[in-house]
Protein backbone atom coordinates (compact mmCIF):
# COMPACT_ATOMS: atom_id res chain seq x y z
CA UNK A 1 93.86 -26.99 38.49
CA UNK A 2 94.21 -24.03 36.17
CA UNK A 3 92.02 -25.70 33.57
CA UNK A 4 89.24 -26.43 36.09
CA UNK A 5 89.45 -22.88 37.41
CA UNK A 6 89.10 -21.42 33.91
CA UNK A 7 86.07 -23.64 33.22
CA UNK A 8 84.38 -22.45 36.40
CA UNK A 9 84.91 -18.76 35.49
CA UNK A 10 83.57 -19.33 31.97
CA UNK A 11 80.46 -21.01 33.32
CA UNK A 12 79.81 -18.12 35.73
CA UNK A 13 80.27 -15.53 32.98
CA UNK A 14 77.61 -17.31 30.85
CA UNK A 15 75.15 -17.78 33.71
CA UNK A 16 75.17 -14.12 34.83
CA UNK A 17 73.72 -12.47 31.67
CA UNK A 18 71.17 -15.27 31.34
CA UNK A 19 69.89 -14.70 34.88
CA UNK A 20 69.75 -10.92 34.27
CA UNK A 21 67.75 -11.47 31.08
CA UNK A 22 65.32 -13.71 32.93
CA UNK A 23 64.77 -11.01 35.55
CA UNK A 24 64.15 -8.42 32.84
CA UNK A 25 61.56 -10.62 31.12
CA UNK A 26 59.76 -11.25 34.37
CA UNK A 27 59.29 -7.51 34.89
CA UNK A 28 57.86 -6.93 31.41
CA UNK A 29 55.46 -9.88 31.80
CA UNK A 30 54.18 -8.41 35.07
CA UNK A 31 53.67 -5.03 33.38
CA UNK A 32 51.75 -6.63 30.49
CA UNK A 33 49.59 -8.60 32.91
CA UNK A 34 48.89 -5.45 34.92
CA UNK A 35 47.93 -3.52 31.77
CA UNK A 36 45.62 -6.29 30.63
CA UNK A 37 43.87 -6.47 33.99
CA UNK A 38 43.41 -2.69 34.16
CA UNK A 39 42.04 -2.38 30.59
CA UNK A 40 38.25 -1.75 30.44
CA UNK A 41 36.09 -4.65 29.37
CA UNK A 42 34.83 -4.09 25.82
CA UNK A 43 32.20 -6.79 26.28
CA UNK A 44 30.56 -4.98 29.23
CA UNK A 45 30.38 -1.66 27.35
CA UNK A 46 29.01 -3.46 24.31
CA UNK A 47 26.35 -5.11 26.47
CA UNK A 48 25.33 -1.73 27.92
CA UNK A 49 25.05 -0.25 24.42
CA UNK A 50 22.87 -3.18 23.29
CA UNK A 51 20.53 -2.68 26.27
CA UNK A 52 20.14 1.01 25.44
CA UNK A 53 19.42 0.20 21.79
CA UNK A 54 16.70 -2.29 22.80
CA UNK A 55 15.12 0.24 25.17
CA UNK A 56 14.87 2.80 22.37
CA UNK A 57 13.05 0.51 19.94
CA UNK A 58 9.28 0.40 19.37
CA UNK A 59 7.46 -2.52 20.98
CA UNK A 60 4.15 -4.34 20.64
CA UNK A 61 2.34 -6.72 18.30
CA UNK A 62 0.69 -3.81 16.48
CA UNK A 63 4.07 -2.61 15.21
CA UNK A 64 3.76 -5.24 12.45
CA UNK A 65 1.21 -2.95 10.75
CA UNK A 66 3.77 -0.17 10.38
CA UNK A 67 5.55 -0.08 6.99
CA UNK A 68 9.09 -1.43 7.02
CA UNK A 69 10.46 1.26 4.72
CA UNK A 70 9.67 4.72 3.39
CA UNK A 71 8.30 7.82 5.12
CA UNK A 72 5.71 5.81 7.06
CA UNK A 73 8.27 3.44 8.57
CA UNK A 74 9.76 3.91 12.02
CA UNK A 75 12.93 5.46 10.61
CA UNK A 76 10.93 7.65 8.24
CA UNK A 77 8.58 8.89 10.97
CA UNK A 78 11.53 9.81 13.18
CA UNK A 79 12.54 12.63 10.84
CA UNK A 80 9.13 14.38 10.62
CA UNK A 81 6.99 16.22 13.20
CA UNK A 82 4.20 14.10 14.58
CA UNK A 83 1.19 15.09 12.41
CA UNK A 84 3.27 14.80 9.24
CA UNK A 85 4.75 11.50 10.40
CA UNK A 86 1.28 10.09 11.12
CA UNK A 87 0.02 11.18 7.70
CA UNK A 88 2.63 8.90 6.09
CA UNK A 89 1.56 5.88 8.14
CA UNK A 90 -1.45 4.03 6.68
CA UNK A 91 -2.21 2.50 10.11
CA UNK A 92 -3.17 5.99 11.33
CA UNK A 93 -5.14 7.33 8.36
CA UNK A 94 -8.43 7.81 10.26
CA UNK A 95 -6.65 9.75 13.01
CA UNK A 96 -5.01 11.97 10.39
CA UNK A 97 -8.41 12.68 8.80
CA UNK A 98 -9.79 13.72 12.19
CA UNK A 99 -6.76 15.89 13.00
CA UNK A 100 -7.05 17.61 9.61
CA UNK A 101 -10.78 18.19 10.10
CA UNK A 102 -10.13 19.78 13.50
CA UNK A 103 -7.31 21.93 12.13
CA UNK A 104 -4.82 20.56 14.67
CA UNK A 105 -2.02 19.55 12.29
CA UNK A 106 0.08 22.68 12.72
CA UNK A 107 -0.57 22.73 16.47
CA UNK A 108 0.79 19.22 16.84
CA UNK A 109 3.68 19.73 14.42
CA UNK A 110 4.90 22.88 16.18
CA UNK A 111 4.54 21.51 19.73
CA UNK A 112 7.75 20.60 21.52
CA UNK A 113 8.34 17.29 23.29
CA UNK A 114 4.85 15.80 23.47
CA UNK A 115 3.39 12.32 23.78
CA UNK A 116 0.55 11.23 21.50
CA UNK A 117 -1.65 8.24 22.25
CA UNK A 118 -2.72 7.55 18.67
CA UNK A 119 -5.83 5.44 18.06
CA UNK A 120 -5.44 2.97 15.22
CA UNK A 121 -7.89 2.79 12.32
CA UNK A 122 -9.58 -0.19 14.00
CA UNK A 123 -9.95 1.83 17.20
CA UNK A 124 -11.92 4.51 15.39
CA UNK A 125 -13.97 1.87 13.57
CA UNK A 126 -15.12 0.53 16.95
CA UNK A 127 -16.56 3.91 18.03
CA UNK A 128 -20.37 4.04 17.62
CA UNK A 129 -21.25 5.71 14.34
CA UNK A 130 -23.49 8.27 16.02
CA UNK A 131 -20.62 9.38 18.27
CA UNK A 132 -18.17 9.68 15.36
CA UNK A 133 -20.69 11.59 13.26
CA UNK A 134 -21.37 14.01 16.11
CA UNK A 135 -17.64 14.64 16.61
CA UNK A 136 -16.93 15.15 12.92
CA UNK A 137 -19.81 17.64 12.68
CA UNK A 138 -18.27 19.67 15.52
CA UNK A 139 -14.59 19.87 14.54
CA UNK A 140 -13.66 22.85 16.72
CA UNK A 141 -15.65 21.61 19.70
CA UNK A 142 -16.20 17.93 20.42
CA UNK A 143 -13.69 16.60 17.90
CA UNK A 144 -10.93 18.88 19.15
CA UNK A 145 -11.73 17.91 22.74
CA UNK A 146 -11.50 14.21 21.88
CA UNK A 147 -8.22 14.55 19.97
CA UNK A 148 -6.45 16.77 22.51
CA UNK A 149 -7.44 14.26 25.18
CA UNK A 150 -4.89 11.95 23.52
CA UNK A 151 -1.95 14.37 23.83
CA UNK A 152 0.27 14.82 26.90
CA UNK A 153 2.50 17.95 26.93
CA UNK A 154 5.71 16.09 27.74
CA UNK A 155 7.67 13.19 26.28
CA UNK A 156 6.94 9.99 28.18
CA UNK A 157 9.39 7.12 27.97
CA UNK A 158 8.05 3.60 28.67
CA UNK A 159 9.49 3.89 32.20
CA UNK A 160 7.45 7.07 32.78
CA UNK A 161 4.13 5.79 31.40
CA UNK A 162 2.44 4.30 34.45
CA UNK A 163 0.42 6.87 36.35
CA UNK A 164 -1.92 9.82 35.77
CA UNK A 165 -1.12 12.39 33.08
CA UNK A 166 -2.74 15.75 32.28
CA UNK A 167 -3.67 16.19 28.62
CA UNK A 168 -3.77 19.19 26.30
CA UNK A 169 -7.56 18.92 26.45
CA UNK A 170 -7.50 19.60 30.19
CA UNK A 171 -8.42 16.08 31.21
CA UNK A 172 -6.45 13.31 32.89
CA UNK A 173 -5.62 9.90 31.47
CA UNK A 174 -4.43 6.95 33.52
CA UNK A 175 -1.83 4.52 32.24
CA UNK A 176 -1.32 1.18 33.99
CA UNK A 177 1.23 -1.58 33.40
CA UNK A 178 4.96 -2.03 32.97
CA UNK A 179 7.59 -3.37 30.59
CA UNK A 180 5.84 -3.67 27.23
CA UNK A 181 2.31 -4.26 28.55
CA UNK A 182 0.27 -1.08 29.14
CA UNK A 183 -3.33 0.05 29.15
CA UNK A 184 -4.53 3.63 28.74
CA UNK A 185 -7.95 3.78 30.32
CA UNK A 186 -9.72 0.86 28.62
CA UNK A 187 -7.42 0.92 25.57
CA UNK A 188 -4.28 -1.14 25.16
CA UNK A 189 -0.97 0.07 23.74
CA UNK A 190 -0.37 -2.10 20.68
CA UNK A 191 2.74 -0.35 19.35
CA UNK A 192 4.70 1.81 21.74
CA UNK A 193 7.73 4.08 21.86
CA UNK A 194 7.47 5.24 18.23
CA UNK A 195 9.64 8.31 17.75
CA UNK A 196 8.92 11.37 15.60
CA UNK A 197 10.88 14.60 15.38
CA UNK A 198 8.94 16.22 18.23
CA UNK A 199 6.92 13.47 19.89
CA UNK A 200 6.79 9.95 21.24
CA UNK A 201 3.80 8.03 19.88
CA UNK A 202 1.97 5.12 21.48
CA UNK A 203 -0.53 3.52 19.09
CA UNK A 204 -3.60 2.29 21.02
CA UNK A 205 -6.54 0.04 20.17
CA UNK A 206 -9.26 2.32 21.55
CA UNK A 207 -10.36 5.96 21.41
CA UNK A 208 -10.10 7.88 24.68
CA UNK A 209 -13.49 9.57 24.86
CA UNK A 210 -13.85 12.32 27.49
CA UNK A 211 -16.50 11.72 30.12
């Protein structure tokens, strides 16, 4: 009897700390599970960051003509004011010549938060020679009017593009479209959302001639 009684007591004394330990572990597991469930999802924040990065990038087939490195590249243009940035981009050399002839370089470089619809070299080449000659012979008049008709005095993101916009030349331009497909009057945006130090540039395949 005494032997059986002692065995029973010994068994109870072993079982008690084991059951207490099991209860303690259960509590810590619950706490860990709660912490894990309340932790923010790194994948969702990463996805949001990726979406923002994509929205900030230039778009359009014409972007292939922009240099991939150097001052004329997208990263190089981002550090210079718009007229200087354009002068480093060979795809905009005709525009730069016209801006220089009209004496608008400093005006554009010193402007704050503007949008420039920049005709490509091919766009200028498509303008009738007589029209181009007349504009170049009147740099402070007709040429300036044409060039300032491509500048909007505010920064337009792609989401803000569609609609009517007043220009520095006093006219109005109409942008239609959405996503990465836009037209400006009869011209098409071929490389959009290009950033410079003081402007957002949309390279277009036509010249916006005032009526």
